[in-house]
Amino acid sequence: MLRPKIPTMPTPTGLSTPPAVVEPTAVVQHRPAPAAAAPTTSRPTVQLTPGAVVALVGGGTAVVLVVGAVLVSMLLAVAITGASVAVCALVIRSLIAAEAKRR
């Protein structure tokens, strides 16, 4: 009936250039000159006081608790949605079965 026409590969027309010949090159390793030692800058070191450590630990704990609460609430929302969809499926199935029994 309907047969697809398979195209044939046309031969190239016009001028075609031969593939370029790649010649191997020698690998030359250059050793960089030793760099002069950079002058060290004196940076002030960060010193944590006991109060700062307590604040960091408290802040980290608060972040972990908030992220955990958000994740648990999202999981709970998915679980509630799944349960409600299952209940809807059962109700629809029982309605369809009751309608089939009446006929």
N, C-alpha and C. Protein backbone atom coordinates (compact mmCIF):
# COMPACT_ATOMS: atom_id res chain seq x y z
N MET A 1 0.83 -1.18 0.00
CA MET A 1 0.00 0.00 0.00
C MET A 1 0.88 1.25 0.00
N LEU A 2 1.24 1.71 1.14
CA LEU A 2 2.12 2.87 1.22
C LEU A 2 3.50 2.38 1.62
N ARG A 3 4.42 2.51 0.72
CA ARG A 3 5.79 2.09 1.02
C ARG A 3 6.67 3.32 1.07
N PRO A 4 7.47 3.43 2.10
CA PRO A 4 8.34 4.59 2.17
C PRO A 4 9.45 4.50 1.14
N LYS A 5 9.81 5.63 0.61
CA LYS A 5 10.91 5.67 -0.34
C LYS A 5 12.20 5.87 0.43
N ILE A 6 13.10 4.93 0.29
CA ILE A 6 14.37 5.01 0.99
C ILE A 6 15.32 5.83 0.14
N PRO A 7 15.83 6.92 0.68
CA PRO A 7 16.72 7.74 -0.14
C PRO A 7 18.07 7.04 -0.33
N THR A 8 18.62 7.23 -1.51
CA THR A 8 19.94 6.68 -1.77
C THR A 8 20.96 7.74 -1.43
N MET A 9 22.14 7.29 -1.04
CA MET A 9 23.19 8.23 -0.68
C MET A 9 23.73 8.86 -1.96
N PRO A 10 23.56 10.16 -2.11
CA PRO A 10 24.08 10.78 -3.32
C PRO A 10 25.60 10.87 -3.26
N THR A 11 26.22 10.77 -4.42
CA THR A 11 27.66 10.92 -4.45
C THR A 11 27.99 12.40 -4.38
N PRO A 12 29.07 12.77 -3.70
CA PRO A 12 29.37 14.19 -3.58
C PRO A 12 29.74 14.78 -4.93
N THR A 13 29.27 15.98 -5.15
CA THR A 13 29.58 16.67 -6.38
C THR A 13 30.47 17.85 -6.06
N GLY A 14 31.23 18.27 -7.03
CA GLY A 14 32.09 19.42 -6.81
C GLY A 14 33.45 18.97 -6.32
N LEU A 15 34.22 19.94 -5.88
CA LEU A 15 35.57 19.67 -5.42
C LEU A 15 35.55 19.19 -3.98
N SER A 16 36.28 18.18 -3.73
CA SER A 16 36.43 17.71 -2.35
C SER A 16 37.91 17.73 -2.01
N THR A 17 38.22 18.15 -0.81
CA THR A 17 39.61 18.23 -0.39
C THR A 17 40.01 16.93 0.28
N PRO A 18 41.22 16.46 0.01
CA PRO A 18 41.65 15.23 0.66
C PRO A 18 41.86 15.49 2.16
N PRO A 19 41.76 14.46 2.96
CA PRO A 19 41.96 14.65 4.40
C PRO A 19 43.37 15.14 4.70
N ALA A 20 43.47 15.99 5.70
CA ALA A 20 44.77 16.54 6.07
C ALA A 20 45.62 15.48 6.74
N VAL A 21 46.89 15.51 6.44
CA VAL A 21 47.83 14.55 7.02
C VAL A 21 48.33 15.13 8.34
N VAL A 22 48.20 14.37 9.38
CA VAL A 22 48.64 14.81 10.70
C VAL A 22 49.99 14.18 10.99
N GLU A 23 50.97 15.02 11.20
CA GLU A 23 52.30 14.52 11.49
C GLU A 23 52.53 14.54 13.00
N PRO A 24 53.15 13.51 13.52
CA PRO A 24 53.40 13.50 14.97
C PRO A 24 54.42 14.58 15.33
N THR A 25 54.21 15.17 16.46
CA THR A 25 55.12 16.20 16.93
C THR A 25 55.85 15.70 18.16
N ALA A 26 57.00 16.26 18.39
CA ALA A 26 57.80 15.86 19.54
C ALA A 26 57.25 16.54 20.79
N VAL A 27 57.26 15.82 21.87
CA VAL A 27 56.79 16.36 23.14
C VAL A 27 57.98 16.98 23.86
N VAL A 28 57.88 18.27 24.12
CA VAL A 28 58.95 18.98 24.80
C VAL A 28 58.44 19.40 26.17
N GLN A 29 59.13 19.00 27.19
CA GLN A 29 58.71 19.35 28.54
C GLN A 29 59.52 20.54 29.01
N HIS A 30 58.81 21.56 29.40
CA HIS A 30 59.46 22.76 29.92
C HIS A 30 59.35 22.75 31.43
N ARG A 31 60.43 23.00 32.07
CA ARG A 31 60.41 23.09 33.52
C ARG A 31 60.33 24.55 33.90
N PRO A 32 59.31 24.90 34.65
CA PRO A 32 59.21 26.31 35.04
C PRO A 32 60.31 26.69 36.01
N ALA A 33 60.69 27.94 35.92
CA ALA A 33 61.73 28.43 36.83
C ALA A 33 61.17 28.44 38.24
N PRO A 34 62.01 28.13 39.21
CA PRO A 34 61.49 28.13 40.59
C PRO A 34 60.99 29.53 40.95
N ALA A 35 59.79 29.56 41.45
CA ALA A 35 59.19 30.83 41.81
C ALA A 35 59.78 31.33 43.12
N ALA A 36 59.90 32.64 43.19
CA ALA A 36 60.41 33.23 44.42
C ALA A 36 59.34 33.08 45.50
N ALA A 37 59.78 32.87 46.70
CA ALA A 37 58.84 32.70 47.81
C ALA A 37 58.04 33.98 47.99
N ALA A 38 56.72 33.82 47.97
CA ALA A 38 55.85 34.99 48.13
C ALA A 38 55.93 35.47 49.57
N PRO A 39 55.95 36.75 49.75
CA PRO A 39 55.99 37.25 51.13
C PRO A 39 54.69 36.89 51.84
N THR A 40 54.83 36.40 53.03
CA THR A 40 53.65 36.02 53.79
C THR A 40 53.05 37.27 54.42
N THR A 41 51.73 37.35 54.29
CA THR A 41 51.05 38.47 54.92
C THR A 41 50.55 38.02 56.27
N SER A 42 50.61 38.90 57.19
CA SER A 42 50.17 38.54 58.53
C SER A 42 48.67 38.82 58.62
N ARG A 43 47.93 37.75 58.67
CA ARG A 43 46.47 37.86 58.81
C ARG A 43 46.12 37.65 60.27
N PRO A 44 45.13 38.37 60.70
CA PRO A 44 44.71 38.11 62.09
C PRO A 44 43.99 36.76 62.17
N THR A 45 44.32 35.98 63.15
CA THR A 45 43.67 34.69 63.32
C THR A 45 42.31 34.89 63.97
N VAL A 46 41.38 34.03 63.60
CA VAL A 46 40.04 34.10 64.16
C VAL A 46 40.06 33.41 65.52
N GLN A 47 39.69 34.15 66.52
CA GLN A 47 39.65 33.58 67.85
C GLN A 47 38.19 33.51 68.30
N LEU A 48 37.79 32.30 68.63
CA LEU A 48 36.41 32.11 69.07
C LEU A 48 36.36 32.13 70.58
N THR A 49 35.50 32.98 71.08
CA THR A 49 35.28 33.02 72.53
C THR A 49 34.27 31.94 72.88
N PRO A 50 34.18 31.57 74.13
CA PRO A 50 33.18 30.56 74.50
C PRO A 50 31.76 30.99 74.15
N GLY A 51 31.49 32.27 74.25
CA GLY A 51 30.15 32.74 73.88
C GLY A 51 29.88 32.58 72.39
N ALA A 52 30.91 32.83 71.57
CA ALA A 52 30.74 32.68 70.13
C ALA A 52 30.54 31.21 69.76
N VAL A 53 31.24 30.31 70.45
CA VAL A 53 31.08 28.88 70.19
C VAL A 53 29.66 28.44 70.53
N VAL A 54 29.16 28.92 71.67
CA VAL A 54 27.79 28.57 72.06
C VAL A 54 26.80 29.12 71.05
N ALA A 55 27.03 30.32 70.56
CA ALA A 55 26.12 30.92 69.57
C ALA A 55 26.16 30.13 68.26
N LEU A 56 27.35 29.71 67.82
CA LEU A 56 27.45 28.92 66.60
C LEU A 56 26.76 27.57 66.74
N VAL A 57 26.96 26.92 67.87
CA VAL A 57 26.32 25.62 68.09
C VAL A 57 24.81 25.79 68.16
N GLY A 58 24.36 26.83 68.83
CA GLY A 58 22.92 27.07 68.93
C GLY A 58 22.31 27.40 67.57
N GLY A 59 23.02 28.21 66.77
CA GLY A 59 22.52 28.53 65.43
C GLY A 59 22.46 27.32 64.53
N GLY A 60 23.50 26.49 64.59
CA GLY A 60 23.49 25.27 63.79
C GLY A 60 22.39 24.32 64.19
N THR A 61 22.17 24.20 65.51
CA THR A 61 21.08 23.35 66.00
C THR A 61 19.74 23.87 65.53
N ALA A 62 19.55 25.18 65.58
CA ALA A 62 18.29 25.77 65.13
C ALA A 62 18.06 25.51 63.64
N VAL A 63 19.10 25.63 62.85
CA VAL A 63 18.97 25.37 61.40
C VAL A 63 18.58 23.92 61.15
N VAL A 64 19.25 23.00 61.85
CA VAL A 64 18.94 21.59 61.67
C VAL A 64 17.50 21.30 62.08
N LEU A 65 17.05 21.87 63.17
CA LEU A 65 15.68 21.63 63.62
C LEU A 65 14.66 22.20 62.65
N VAL A 66 14.92 23.39 62.13
CA VAL A 66 13.96 24.00 61.19
C VAL A 66 13.90 23.19 59.90
N VAL A 67 15.06 22.81 59.36
CA VAL A 67 15.07 22.01 58.13
C VAL A 67 14.39 20.67 58.36
N GLY A 68 14.63 20.06 59.50
CA GLY A 68 13.96 18.79 59.82
C GLY A 68 12.46 18.94 59.92
N ALA A 69 12.01 20.02 60.54
CA ALA A 69 10.57 20.24 60.65
C ALA A 69 9.94 20.45 59.28
N VAL A 70 10.61 21.17 58.42
CA VAL A 70 10.07 21.40 57.07
C VAL A 70 10.00 20.08 56.31
N LEU A 71 11.05 19.27 56.39
CA LEU A 71 11.03 17.99 55.67
C LEU A 71 9.96 17.05 56.21
N VAL A 72 9.80 17.01 57.52
CA VAL A 72 8.77 16.14 58.11
C VAL A 72 7.38 16.62 57.70
N SER A 73 7.16 17.93 57.68
CA SER A 73 5.85 18.43 57.28
C SER A 73 5.57 18.14 55.81
N MET A 74 6.60 18.20 54.97
CA MET A 74 6.39 17.84 53.56
C MET A 74 6.06 16.36 53.41
N LEU A 75 6.75 15.52 54.17
CA LEU A 75 6.44 14.09 54.14
C LEU A 75 5.03 13.81 54.62
N LEU A 76 4.61 14.51 55.66
CA LEU A 76 3.26 14.35 56.17
C LEU A 76 2.23 14.80 55.14
N ALA A 77 2.50 15.88 54.43
CA ALA A 77 1.58 16.35 53.41
C ALA A 77 1.45 15.33 52.28
N VAL A 78 2.56 14.71 51.90
CA VAL A 78 2.50 13.69 50.85
C VAL A 78 1.72 12.48 51.34
N ALA A 79 1.91 12.10 52.59
CA ALA A 79 1.19 10.94 53.14
C ALA A 79 -0.31 11.22 53.20
N ILE A 80 -0.69 12.41 53.63
CA ILE A 80 -2.12 12.75 53.70
C ILE A 80 -2.73 12.79 52.31
N THR A 81 -1.99 13.34 51.35
CA THR A 81 -2.50 13.38 49.98
C THR A 81 -2.68 11.97 49.43
N GLY A 82 -1.72 11.10 49.67
CA GLY A 82 -1.85 9.72 49.21
C GLY A 82 -3.03 9.01 49.84
N ALA A 83 -3.24 9.23 51.13
CA ALA A 83 -4.38 8.59 51.80
C ALA A 83 -5.69 9.10 51.25
N SER A 84 -5.78 10.42 50.99
CA SER A 84 -7.04 10.96 50.47
C SER A 84 -7.30 10.47 49.05
N VAL A 85 -6.26 10.31 48.25
CA VAL A 85 -6.45 9.76 46.90
C VAL A 85 -6.91 8.31 46.98
N ALA A 86 -6.38 7.55 47.92
CA ALA A 86 -6.80 6.16 48.09
C ALA A 86 -8.26 6.08 48.51
N VAL A 87 -8.69 6.95 49.41
CA VAL A 87 -10.09 6.98 49.83
C VAL A 87 -10.99 7.35 48.66
N CYS A 88 -10.58 8.34 47.88
CA CYS A 88 -11.37 8.72 46.70
C CYS A 88 -11.48 7.56 45.72
N ALA A 89 -10.40 6.81 45.53
CA ALA A 89 -10.43 5.67 44.62
C ALA A 89 -11.40 4.60 45.12
N LEU A 90 -11.41 4.36 46.43
CA LEU A 90 -12.34 3.37 46.99
C LEU A 90 -13.78 3.82 46.82
N VAL A 91 -14.06 5.09 47.04
CA VAL A 91 -15.43 5.60 46.90
C VAL A 91 -15.88 5.49 45.45
N ILE A 92 -15.02 5.86 44.53
CA ILE A 92 -15.39 5.79 43.11
C ILE A 92 -15.60 4.34 42.69
N ARG A 93 -14.75 3.44 43.19
CA ARG A 93 -14.91 2.03 42.85
C ARG A 93 -16.22 1.48 43.39
N SER A 94 -16.59 1.87 44.60
CA SER A 94 -17.85 1.37 45.16
C SER A 94 -19.04 1.96 44.42
N LEU A 95 -18.95 3.19 43.99
CA LEU A 95 -20.04 3.79 43.21
C LEU A 95 -20.22 3.09 41.86
N ILE A 96 -19.10 2.77 41.23
CA ILE A 96 -19.17 2.08 39.94
C ILE A 96 -19.73 0.67 40.14
N ALA A 97 -19.32 -0.01 41.21
CA ALA A 97 -19.83 -1.37 41.47
C ALA A 97 -21.32 -1.34 41.79
N ALA A 98 -21.77 -0.32 42.54
CA ALA A 98 -23.20 -0.22 42.87
C ALA A 98 -24.01 0.07 41.62
N GLU A 99 -23.49 0.87 40.74
CA GLU A 99 -24.18 1.18 39.49
C GLU A 99 -24.27 -0.06 38.61
N ALA A 100 -23.23 -0.89 38.61
CA ALA A 100 -23.24 -2.11 37.78
C ALA A 100 -24.24 -3.12 38.34
N LYS A 101 -24.45 -3.16 39.67
CA LYS A 101 -25.38 -4.11 40.26
C LYS A 101 -26.82 -3.73 39.95
N ARG A 102 -27.10 -2.46 39.80
CA ARG A 102 -28.48 -2.01 39.52
C ARG A 102 -28.91 -2.38 38.11
N ARG A 103 -28.01 -2.56 37.21
CA ARG A 103 -28.38 -2.86 35.83
C ARG A 103 -28.69 -4.28 35.64
